[in-house]
C-alpha atoms as a PDB file:
ATOM      1  CA  MET A   1     -85.410 -88.321 187.461  1.00  0.00           C
ATOM      2  CA  ALA A   2     -84.060 -91.831 188.009  1.00  0.00           C
ATOM      3  CA  ARG A   3     -80.376 -92.578 188.273  1.00  0.00           C
ATOM      4  CA  LYS A   4     -78.781 -93.895 185.094  1.00  0.00           C
ATOM      5  CA  LEU A   5     -77.493 -97.443 185.201  1.00  0.00           C
ATOM      6  CA  GLY A   6     -74.036 -98.331 183.881  1.00  0.00           C
ATOM      7  CA  GLN A   7     -71.181 -96.464 182.248  1.00  0.00           C
ATOM      8  CA  ILE A   8     -70.013 -95.530 178.770  1.00  0.00           C
ATOM      9  CA  ILE A   9     -66.211 -95.444 178.673  1.00  0.00           C
ATOM     10  CA  GLY A  10     -64.194 -94.170 175.711  1.00  0.00           C
ATOM     11  CA  ILE A  11     -61.489 -96.675 174.754  1.00  0.00           C
ATOM     12  CA  ARG A  12     -60.135 -94.935 171.660  1.00  0.00           C
ATOM     13  CA  GLU A  13     -61.496 -92.862 168.797  1.00  0.00           C
ATOM     14  CA  ASN A  14     -64.974 -94.130 167.837  1.00  0.00           C
ATOM     15  CA  THR A  15     -64.697 -97.133 170.216  1.00  0.00           C
ATOM     16  CA  TRP A  16     -66.635 -97.328 173.475  1.00  0.00           C
ATOM     17  CA  MET A  17     -67.075 -99.877 176.275  1.00  0.00           C
ATOM     18  CA  ILE A  18     -70.516-100.219 177.846  1.00  0.00           C
ATOM     19  CA  ARG A  19     -70.487-101.491 181.469  1.00  0.00           C
ATOM     20  CA  ILE A  20     -73.693-102.515 183.233  1.00  0.00           C
ATOM     21  CA  PRO A  21     -73.453-103.746 186.845  1.00  0.00           C
ATOM     22  CA  LEU A  22     -74.943-107.186 187.531  1.00  0.00           C
ATOM     23  CA  GLY A  23     -74.513-107.178 191.316  1.00  0.00           C
ATOM     24  CA  CYS A  24     -71.986-108.764 193.666  1.00  0.00           C
ATOM     25  CA  ASP A  25     -70.751-112.344 193.874  1.00  0.00           C
ATOM     26  CA  PRO A  26     -71.723-113.566 197.370  1.00  0.00           C
ATOM     27  CA  GLU A  27     -68.590-115.721 197.760  1.00  0.00           C
ATOM     28  CA  THR A  28     -65.863-113.374 196.496  1.00  0.00           C
ATOM     29  CA  LYS A  29     -67.634-110.063 197.290  1.00  0.00           C
ATOM     30  CA  GLN A  30     -66.526-108.734 193.874  1.00  0.00           C
ATOM     31  CA  ARG A  31     -68.752-106.768 191.523  1.00  0.00           C
ATOM     32  CA  ASN A  32     -69.865-108.414 188.283  1.00  0.00           C
ATOM     33  CA  TYR A  33     -70.367-106.401 185.090  1.00  0.00           C
ATOM     34  CA  TYR A  34     -71.775-107.005 181.623  1.00  0.00           C
ATOM     35  CA  ASN A  35     -69.236-105.470 179.186  1.00  0.00           C
ATOM     36  CA  ARG A  36     -69.835-104.719 175.527  1.00  0.00           C
ATOM     37  CA  THR A  37     -67.637-102.908 172.987  1.00  0.00           C
ATOM     38  CA  VAL A  38     -69.441-100.528 170.621  1.00  0.00           C
ATOM     39  CA  HIS A  39     -68.018 -98.812 167.537  1.00  0.00           C
ATOM     40  CA  GLY A  40     -69.366 -95.471 166.361  1.00  0.00           C
ATOM     41  CA  SER A  41     -69.351 -91.722 166.792  1.00  0.00           C
ATOM     42  CA  SER A  42     -69.838 -90.305 170.281  1.00  0.00           C
ATOM     43  CA  ILE A  43     -72.434 -87.798 169.084  1.00  0.00           C
ATOM     44  CA  GLN A  44     -75.504 -88.946 167.163  1.00  0.00           C
ATOM     45  CA  LYS A  45     -78.381 -86.931 165.712  1.00  0.00           C
ATOM     46  CA  SER A  46     -80.805 -88.134 168.390  1.00  0.00           C
ATOM     47  CA  GLY A  47     -78.596 -87.570 171.441  1.00  0.00           C
ATOM     48  CA  ARG A  48     -75.178 -87.288 173.031  1.00  0.00           C
ATOM     49  CA  LYS A  49     -74.457 -91.005 173.642  1.00  0.00           C
ATOM     50  CA  PRO A  50     -73.125 -93.504 171.104  1.00  0.00           C
ATOM     51  CA  TRP A  51     -75.711 -95.617 169.339  1.00  0.00           C
ATOM     52  CA  ILE A  52     -76.076 -98.971 171.099  1.00  0.00           C
ATOM     53  CA  SER A  53     -77.716-102.159 169.881  1.00  0.00           C
ATOM     54  CA  PHE A  54     -77.886-105.258 172.075  1.00  0.00           C
ATOM     55  CA  SER A  55     -79.472-107.452 169.407  1.00  0.00           C
END
């Protein structure tokens, strides 16, 4: 099984932050992330992760 990419971090009740790594900046050597806030329940009928739509 492949390693999962990114993190799902609980901010507060029914609010989650999705973090996906984009790699490192060659000049500053700092990691870059794509961050997105998602609202919804942590448990859905189809799985254990919050429902995410990037559209």
